[in-house]
Amino acid sequence: MDDIKATAEPSKRELFDFEREKFEKELEYKKLSSRIEMMRERCSFLKSPLALAILGGIITILVNSITGYYSNQNTITLESEKNQNTITLEREKLQSDLIKKYLEVPDSAGRIANLHFLVESGLIPNYSGPVSEYLKKGPALAPQTVPVATASTADNWRAFGGNNILDGGVLKRVQNAGESLVVVMTRQSVREWQKCTGFLISDRTIATIGYCVPGELAAGSPKLGDIRLQGVAAAGTAEPLVESVVLRGEGPSDHRIALLRLAAPVAGKQILKIRPDAPVVGDRLIMPFLKGDAADFSASVDDECSISEVDEQPIIAYRCDGDVGAAGAPLVSFATGEVIGIHSWSGEKARFGVRVSPSDLL
C-alpha cells in the first residue's frame, strides 16, 4: 500500500475551465451547423420552380434589351444610308435638270459657253468629268433641249437607252410620233382583249401589224365589233368605229400590214408620213409605242436603235427596246420623222418589223 500513489482531486478552478471550454466548443459547433443549414436552405430555393422562373425572366429581359438596342442601331444606320442615297439622287437630278436648262439656249456658241460655266463654277460636280471630256474634243455644236412647257407630251414620254438630251428636231419628231399613236384592241374572249399600238397615216386610216386584227374584214362584217380603239377621239367624245380592215403584203399575219379604215375622219391627231426611200442597214430609228395595260407612251431612241439587216422579203431587223403593247408600233426615221416600217415581233438577238412604202396605202 505504501507503493501506491494517491491521486489528487481536481480543484474547483480546473472544473470551471473544463466546463467553459466544453461550452465554447458546443457553441461553435452549433454556429457551424446553423450556417450549413442556412446555405442548404438557400440552395434549395434556387432549385425551386419559382426561383428558376424569376431567373429566366431576368435573363429574357436582358437579352431583349440588348437585341432591341442593336436592332435600333441598325435601323438608324439603314435610315441614315437611305436618306443619304436619296439626297445623292436628288443632287444628281438637280444637276441634270440644270444642264438641260442651260442647253435650251438657241445659239450653239451660247450652249458651249454655258457648259464651260457649269463645269468651272462647280455647279455640276457629278457630271463635270464627262462634260469636260466632251468640251475637250472641241465640239462646234452642242445639243439643244426643248423647254418642257413647249412639249405637249413631255410630261408622259420617256426614252429607253442612252443619252436623253436630244436636239430640238429629234425631240419634236418623237413627240409627233407619240401624238399619232392609238391603242388597237381585239377581243380574244368575253373578258380578254389583245392590245397593240397603231398610228394614223391619214385622218381616216390607222396602220398596225396584221396579227393585231381578226383578219381582212369588209364593211358590215360582224367581226368588226371585235375591234375597239382608244386614244383616237378627243376627250369627252366617242371613239370612231372601224369601217373595214385591209391587209397588205403576203405570207402570215406577222409579215403583213393592217390598214383600219374609220367611219369618220379624226381631228386633232398627228398624221405620220411614209418615207418613199427604201430602208437600208444603218438607218437610225425612233420606235414609239403605247406600253402595257395603262398604255403609257414610251419611245426607244438611242444609238443602237437602228436597222441591222434588210431581208429580201419585206422584213427588217433592228435593235430597239420595246415592251408589252409595242406590236404595231411605227418605225420612224430618226433623220426625217417619216415611217419606214411597222414593228412585228421580237427575237433572241434582234427585233423584226415589216417595211412600209407609199404603195401600201393605195
Protein backbone atom coordinates (compact mmCIF):
# COMPACT_ATOMS: atom_id res chain seq x y z
CA MET A 1 0.00 0.00 0.00
CA ASP A 2 2.89 2.30 0.64
CA ASP A 3 3.94 1.90 -3.06
CA ILE A 4 0.53 3.18 -4.49
CA LYS A 5 0.49 6.93 -5.01
CA ALA A 6 -2.61 8.73 -4.10
CA THR A 7 -4.50 10.71 -6.90
CA ALA A 8 -5.29 14.31 -6.08
CA GLU A 9 -8.87 15.54 -6.57
CA PRO A 10 -9.28 18.34 -9.31
CA SER A 11 -9.76 21.76 -7.94
CA LYS A 12 -12.88 23.87 -8.49
CA ARG A 13 -10.91 26.18 -10.83
CA GLU A 14 -9.96 23.33 -13.09
CA LEU A 15 -13.57 22.08 -13.18
CA PHE A 16 -14.78 25.56 -14.20
CA ASP A 17 -12.23 25.90 -17.01
CA PHE A 18 -13.19 22.47 -18.32
CA GLU A 19 -16.88 23.27 -18.36
CA ARG A 20 -16.25 26.63 -20.07
CA GLU A 21 -14.11 25.01 -22.83
CA LYS A 22 -16.80 22.39 -23.37
CA PHE A 23 -19.47 25.07 -23.65
CA GLU A 24 -17.44 27.12 -26.18
CA LYS A 25 -16.87 24.08 -28.39
CA GLU A 26 -20.54 23.18 -28.34
CA LEU A 27 -21.45 26.79 -29.19
CA GLU A 28 -19.01 26.81 -32.11
CA TYR A 29 -20.42 23.53 -33.35
CA LYS A 30 -24.00 24.87 -33.22
CA LYS A 31 -23.00 28.04 -35.15
CA LEU A 32 -21.32 25.98 -37.83
CA SER A 33 -24.33 23.70 -38.08
CA SER A 34 -26.60 26.75 -38.35
CA ARG A 35 -24.54 28.21 -41.25
CA ILE A 36 -24.59 24.91 -43.09
CA GLU A 37 -28.36 24.68 -42.67
CA MET A 38 -28.86 28.26 -43.96
CA MET A 39 -26.74 27.56 -47.04
CA ARG A 40 -28.67 24.37 -47.63
CA GLU A 41 -31.96 26.30 -47.49
CA ARG A 42 -30.68 28.95 -49.95
CA CYS A 43 -29.56 26.33 -52.43
CA SER A 44 -32.88 24.55 -52.22
CA PHE A 45 -34.64 27.88 -53.03
CA LEU A 46 -32.56 28.36 -56.21
CA LYS A 47 -33.66 24.91 -57.34
CA SER A 48 -37.34 25.71 -56.88
CA PRO A 49 -39.60 26.44 -59.96
CA LEU A 50 -40.29 29.97 -58.69
CA ALA A 51 -36.60 30.85 -58.50
CA LEU A 52 -35.92 29.37 -61.91
CA ALA A 53 -38.84 31.34 -63.40
CA ILE A 54 -37.58 34.59 -61.86
CA LEU A 55 -34.04 33.95 -63.08
CA GLY A 56 -35.29 33.08 -66.60
CA GLY A 57 -37.37 36.25 -66.69
CA ILE A 58 -34.37 38.37 -65.75
CA ILE A 59 -32.22 36.73 -68.44
CA THR A 60 -35.00 37.23 -71.06
CA ILE A 61 -35.31 40.92 -70.18
CA LEU A 62 -31.54 41.37 -70.52
CA VAL A 63 -31.41 39.56 -73.89
CA ASN A 64 -34.39 41.51 -75.29
CA SER A 65 -32.87 44.78 -74.13
CA ILE A 66 -29.54 44.04 -75.81
CA THR A 67 -31.25 42.80 -79.01
CA GLY A 68 -33.51 45.86 -79.13
CA TYR A 69 -30.55 48.17 -78.70
CA TYR A 70 -28.59 46.68 -81.59
CA SER A 71 -31.74 46.49 -83.75
CA ASN A 72 -32.39 50.19 -83.17
CA GLN A 73 -28.78 50.96 -84.02
CA ASN A 74 -29.07 49.02 -87.31
CA THR A 75 -32.35 50.76 -88.15
CA ILE A 76 -30.81 54.16 -87.53
CA THR A 77 -27.83 53.24 -89.73
CA LEU A 78 -30.06 51.98 -92.58
CA GLU A 79 -32.28 55.05 -92.42
CA SER A 80 -29.21 57.26 -92.49
CA GLU A 81 -27.85 55.45 -95.56
CA LYS A 82 -31.27 55.62 -97.27
CA ASN A 83 -31.54 59.35 -96.61
CA GLN A 84 -28.01 59.85 -97.91
CA ASN A 85 -28.82 57.92 -101.11
CA THR A 86 -31.99 60.00 -101.57
CA ILE A 87 -30.01 63.20 -101.15
CA THR A 88 -27.41 61.97 -103.67
CA LEU A 89 -30.09 61.10 -106.25
CA GLU A 90 -31.81 64.45 -105.76
CA ARG A 91 -28.49 66.26 -106.26
CA GLU A 92 -27.84 64.33 -109.46
CA LYS A 93 -31.35 65.12 -110.72
CA LEU A 94 -30.92 68.82 -109.96
CA GLN A 95 -27.59 68.87 -111.78
CA SER A 96 -29.07 67.03 -114.77
CA ASP A 97 -32.01 69.45 -114.90
CA LEU A 98 -29.56 72.36 -114.69
CA ILE A 99 -27.61 71.05 -117.69
CA LYS A 100 -30.82 70.64 -119.70
CA LYS A 101 -31.93 74.16 -118.75
CA TYR A 102 -28.63 75.68 -119.85
CA LEU A 103 -28.87 73.81 -123.16
CA GLU A 104 -32.19 75.45 -124.05
CA VAL A 105 -30.32 78.47 -125.44
CA PRO A 106 -30.94 78.61 -129.23
CA ASP A 107 -27.40 79.82 -130.03
CA SER A 108 -24.85 76.97 -130.22
CA ALA A 109 -21.96 79.17 -129.04
CA GLY A 110 -24.08 80.17 -126.05
CA ARG A 111 -24.72 76.50 -125.19
CA ILE A 112 -20.98 75.75 -125.33
CA ALA A 113 -20.29 78.76 -123.08
CA ASN A 114 -22.96 77.59 -120.66
CA LEU A 115 -21.36 74.16 -120.40
CA HIS A 116 -17.96 75.74 -119.65
CA PHE A 117 -19.59 77.88 -116.95
CA LEU A 118 -21.29 74.90 -115.31
CA VAL A 119 -18.03 72.95 -115.15
CA GLU A 120 -15.82 75.82 -113.97
CA SER A 121 -18.33 77.04 -111.36
CA GLY A 122 -18.60 73.60 -109.76
CA LEU A 123 -22.39 73.53 -110.10
CA ILE A 124 -22.42 70.04 -111.66
CA PRO A 125 -19.80 68.02 -109.70
CA ASN A 126 -21.39 64.68 -110.62
CA TYR A 127 -21.24 65.41 -114.35
CA SER A 128 -18.21 67.70 -114.60
CA GLY A 129 -15.94 64.83 -115.76
CA PRO A 130 -17.99 63.69 -118.79
CA VAL A 131 -18.89 67.28 -119.74
CA SER A 132 -15.21 68.32 -119.51
CA GLU A 133 -14.21 65.40 -121.74
CA TYR A 134 -16.91 66.42 -124.22
CA LEU A 135 -15.66 70.01 -124.27
CA LYS A 136 -12.01 68.93 -124.70
CA LYS A 137 -12.98 67.38 -128.04
CA GLY A 138 -13.68 70.92 -129.22
CA PRO A 139 -17.27 70.50 -130.45
CA ALA A 140 -18.56 73.21 -132.72
CA LEU A 141 -22.13 72.47 -131.68
CA ALA A 142 -23.89 71.39 -128.52
CA PRO A 143 -27.25 69.59 -128.37
CA GLN A 144 -30.23 71.83 -127.70
CA THR A 145 -33.03 70.78 -125.37
CA VAL A 146 -36.61 71.93 -125.71
CA PRO A 147 -38.26 73.54 -122.65
CA VAL A 148 -40.81 71.20 -121.06
CA ALA A 149 -43.53 73.82 -121.28
CA THR A 150 -43.40 73.72 -125.10
CA ALA A 151 -43.78 69.95 -125.38
CA SER A 152 -47.32 68.61 -125.33
CA THR A 153 -46.20 65.06 -124.49
CA ALA A 154 -43.17 65.98 -122.38
CA ASP A 155 -44.79 65.09 -119.08
CA ASN A 156 -45.50 61.46 -120.03
CA TRP A 157 -42.84 60.40 -122.53
CA ARG A 158 -39.60 58.65 -121.74
CA ALA A 159 -36.82 57.26 -123.89
CA PHE A 160 -35.07 53.92 -123.46
CA GLY A 161 -31.34 53.55 -123.84
CA GLY A 162 -28.66 56.23 -123.99
CA ASN A 163 -28.48 59.98 -123.69
CA ASN A 164 -31.92 61.59 -123.47
CA ILE A 165 -30.65 65.13 -124.15
CA LEU A 166 -31.90 65.23 -127.73
CA ASP A 167 -31.69 68.12 -130.10
CA GLY A 168 -34.93 70.00 -130.69
CA GLY A 169 -35.60 68.43 -134.08
CA VAL A 170 -35.40 64.84 -132.87
CA LEU A 171 -37.45 65.58 -129.76
CA LYS A 172 -40.12 67.13 -131.96
CA ARG A 173 -40.19 64.03 -134.15
CA VAL A 174 -40.59 61.84 -131.07
CA GLN A 175 -43.48 63.99 -129.91
CA ASN A 176 -45.15 63.96 -133.32
CA ALA A 177 -44.93 60.17 -133.42
CA GLY A 178 -46.37 59.96 -129.92
CA GLU A 179 -49.32 62.17 -130.85
CA SER A 180 -50.18 59.86 -133.76
CA LEU A 181 -50.46 56.69 -131.65
CA VAL A 182 -53.67 54.88 -130.74
CA VAL A 183 -54.49 51.63 -128.92
CA VAL A 184 -55.92 48.88 -131.14
CA MET A 185 -57.84 46.32 -129.05
CA THR A 186 -59.04 42.98 -130.42
CA ARG A 187 -61.40 40.69 -128.49
CA GLN A 188 -59.85 37.33 -127.56
CA SER A 189 -62.66 36.13 -125.26
CA VAL A 190 -65.57 37.57 -123.31
CA ARG A 191 -63.26 39.47 -120.97
CA GLU A 192 -59.84 39.27 -122.64
CA TRP A 193 -58.60 41.82 -125.14
CA GLN A 194 -55.33 41.91 -127.08
CA LYS A 195 -53.71 45.35 -127.07
CA CYS A 196 -51.45 46.65 -129.83
CA THR A 197 -50.12 50.01 -130.91
CA GLY A 198 -51.46 51.65 -134.06
CA PHE A 199 -50.76 55.02 -135.71
CA LEU A 200 -52.56 57.41 -138.03
CA ILE A 201 -51.35 57.66 -141.62
CA SER A 202 -54.39 59.70 -142.69
CA ASP A 203 -57.36 61.28 -140.94
CA ARG A 204 -59.37 58.08 -141.63
CA THR A 205 -56.70 55.32 -141.66
CA ILE A 206 -54.82 53.60 -138.83
CA ALA A 207 -51.91 51.29 -139.58
CA THR A 208 -50.80 48.37 -137.38
CA ILE A 209 -49.35 44.87 -137.82
CA GLY A 210 -51.55 42.14 -139.34
CA TYR A 211 -51.99 39.86 -136.32
CA CYS A 212 -53.42 42.71 -134.22
CA VAL A 213 -56.77 42.39 -136.04
CA PRO A 214 -59.04 39.39 -136.79
CA GLY A 215 -58.12 39.50 -140.50
CA GLU A 216 -59.24 41.28 -143.66
CA LEU A 217 -62.80 42.49 -142.97
CA ALA A 218 -65.23 44.08 -145.37
CA ALA A 219 -67.64 46.83 -144.38
CA GLY A 220 -70.54 45.42 -142.36
CA SER A 221 -68.63 42.33 -141.17
CA PRO A 222 -69.80 41.28 -137.67
CA LYS A 223 -66.17 40.72 -136.66
CA LEU A 224 -65.61 44.49 -136.86
CA GLY A 225 -67.35 44.60 -133.47
CA ASP A 226 -64.34 42.72 -132.04
CA ILE A 227 -62.12 45.73 -132.71
CA ARG A 228 -62.04 48.75 -130.41
CA LEU A 229 -59.90 51.87 -130.47
CA GLN A 230 -58.59 54.03 -127.64
CA GLY A 231 -56.93 57.42 -127.79
CA VAL A 232 -58.29 58.43 -131.20
CA ALA A 233 -61.13 60.77 -130.26
CA ALA A 234 -60.82 63.94 -128.23
CA ALA A 235 -61.71 63.81 -124.54
CA GLY A 236 -65.47 63.59 -123.96
CA THR A 237 -66.27 62.26 -127.43
CA ALA A 238 -66.91 58.70 -128.63
CA GLU A 239 -64.15 56.71 -130.29
CA PRO A 240 -64.70 56.28 -134.06
CA LEU A 241 -65.82 52.92 -135.40
CA VAL A 242 -63.68 50.79 -137.72
CA GLU A 243 -65.45 50.59 -141.10
CA SER A 244 -63.22 47.94 -142.71
CA VAL A 245 -59.82 46.25 -142.46
CA VAL A 246 -57.44 45.77 -145.40
CA LEU A 247 -54.28 43.63 -145.22
CA ARG A 248 -51.24 44.44 -147.36
CA GLY A 249 -48.42 42.06 -148.17
CA GLU A 250 -48.05 38.30 -148.47
CA GLY A 251 -47.49 35.45 -146.03
CA PRO A 252 -48.51 35.06 -142.39
CA SER A 253 -50.14 37.87 -140.43
CA ASP A 254 -46.89 38.88 -138.71
CA HIS A 255 -45.47 39.67 -142.21
CA ARG A 256 -48.46 41.81 -143.27
CA ILE A 257 -49.67 45.35 -142.65
CA ALA A 258 -53.21 46.02 -141.44
CA LEU A 259 -54.96 49.25 -142.50
CA LEU A 260 -58.04 50.14 -140.44
CA ARG A 261 -60.44 52.42 -142.31
CA LEU A 262 -62.50 54.64 -139.97
CA ALA A 263 -66.16 55.52 -140.42
CA ALA A 264 -65.42 59.21 -139.75
CA PRO A 265 -62.33 61.42 -140.00
CA VAL A 266 -60.24 62.18 -136.92
CA ALA A 267 -59.33 65.71 -135.89
CA GLY A 268 -56.58 66.91 -133.55
CA LYS A 269 -54.21 63.96 -134.07
CA GLN A 270 -50.81 63.92 -135.76
CA ILE A 271 -50.60 62.21 -139.17
CA LEU A 272 -47.37 60.36 -139.94
CA LYS A 273 -45.94 60.33 -143.46
CA ILE A 274 -44.44 57.26 -145.16
CA ARG A 275 -40.83 57.64 -146.32
CA PRO A 276 -40.55 56.93 -150.04
CA ASP A 277 -36.92 55.73 -149.79
CA ALA A 278 -36.35 52.05 -149.01
CA PRO A 279 -34.72 51.30 -145.63
CA VAL A 280 -31.01 50.48 -145.56
CA VAL A 281 -28.70 49.00 -142.95
CA GLY A 282 -27.59 51.71 -140.55
CA ASP A 283 -30.77 53.79 -140.70
CA ARG A 284 -31.35 55.14 -137.19
CA LEU A 285 -34.87 54.66 -135.85
CA ILE A 286 -37.31 56.01 -133.32
CA MET A 287 -39.75 53.34 -132.08
CA PRO A 288 -42.63 54.96 -130.15
CA PHE A 289 -45.31 52.73 -128.63
CA LEU A 290 -48.06 52.55 -126.00
CA LYS A 291 -46.86 50.31 -123.19
CA GLY A 292 -48.85 47.81 -121.12
CA ASP A 293 -52.38 47.93 -119.76
CA ALA A 294 -52.12 51.64 -118.89
CA ALA A 295 -50.99 52.44 -122.48
CA ASP A 296 -48.17 54.71 -121.26
CA PHE A 297 -46.26 56.42 -124.05
CA SER A 298 -42.64 55.29 -124.38
CA ALA A 299 -40.06 55.58 -127.13
CA SER A 300 -36.82 53.77 -127.93
CA VAL A 301 -34.29 56.42 -129.00
CA ASP A 302 -30.56 55.65 -128.81
CA ASP A 303 -27.54 54.81 -130.97
CA GLU A 304 -28.35 51.09 -131.06
CA CYS A 305 -31.92 51.66 -132.27
CA SER A 306 -31.03 51.25 -135.93
CA ILE A 307 -31.52 48.81 -138.80
CA SER A 308 -29.06 45.90 -138.62
CA GLU A 309 -30.38 43.85 -141.56
CA VAL A 310 -32.76 44.17 -144.52
CA ASP A 311 -34.19 40.87 -145.77
CA GLU A 312 -35.08 40.14 -149.39
CA GLN A 313 -38.59 39.74 -148.05
CA PRO A 314 -40.21 42.91 -146.66
CA ILE A 315 -38.62 42.21 -143.24
CA ILE A 316 -36.14 44.48 -141.43
CA ALA A 317 -34.16 43.72 -138.26
CA TYR A 318 -33.18 46.31 -135.66
CA ARG A 319 -32.12 46.67 -132.01
CA CYS A 320 -34.73 48.96 -130.45
CA ASP A 321 -36.04 48.42 -126.93
CA GLY A 322 -39.72 47.53 -126.63
CA ASP A 323 -42.27 46.24 -124.16
CA VAL A 324 -45.76 44.72 -123.91
CA GLY A 325 -48.06 46.55 -126.33
CA ALA A 326 -45.31 47.54 -128.79
CA ALA A 327 -46.63 45.32 -131.61
CA GLY A 328 -47.83 47.54 -134.45
CA ALA A 329 -45.65 50.50 -133.44
CA PRO A 330 -44.29 52.68 -136.24
CA LEU A 331 -40.58 52.51 -137.05
CA VAL A 332 -39.82 56.18 -137.60
CA SER A 333 -36.75 57.57 -139.35
CA PHE A 334 -34.52 59.35 -136.82
CA ALA A 335 -33.43 61.76 -139.57
CA THR A 336 -36.78 62.70 -141.17
CA GLY A 337 -39.56 61.60 -138.79
CA GLU A 338 -41.21 59.55 -141.55
CA VAL A 339 -42.38 55.95 -141.18
CA ILE A 340 -40.05 53.22 -142.51
CA GLY A 341 -41.85 50.13 -141.19
CA ILE A 342 -44.08 48.59 -138.52
CA HIS A 343 -42.81 46.60 -135.52
CA SER A 344 -43.95 42.96 -135.54
CA TRP A 345 -42.10 40.55 -133.22
CA SER A 346 -39.02 40.10 -131.02
CA GLY A 347 -36.27 37.51 -131.46
CA GLU A 348 -33.34 36.46 -129.29
CA LYS A 349 -30.81 38.79 -130.94
CA ALA A 350 -32.97 41.44 -132.62
CA ARG A 351 -36.48 42.72 -133.24
CA PHE A 352 -38.23 42.45 -136.57
CA GLY A 353 -40.70 44.54 -138.50
CA VAL A 354 -42.39 44.87 -141.87
CA ARG A 355 -41.28 47.51 -144.37
CA VAL A 356 -43.84 50.14 -145.35
CA SER A 357 -43.89 52.05 -148.66
CA PRO A 358 -46.30 54.64 -150.07
CA SER A 359 -47.66 51.98 -152.47
CA ASP A 360 -49.04 50.03 -149.49
CA LEU A 361 -51.55 52.83 -148.92
CA LEU A 362 -53.11 52.65 -152.37
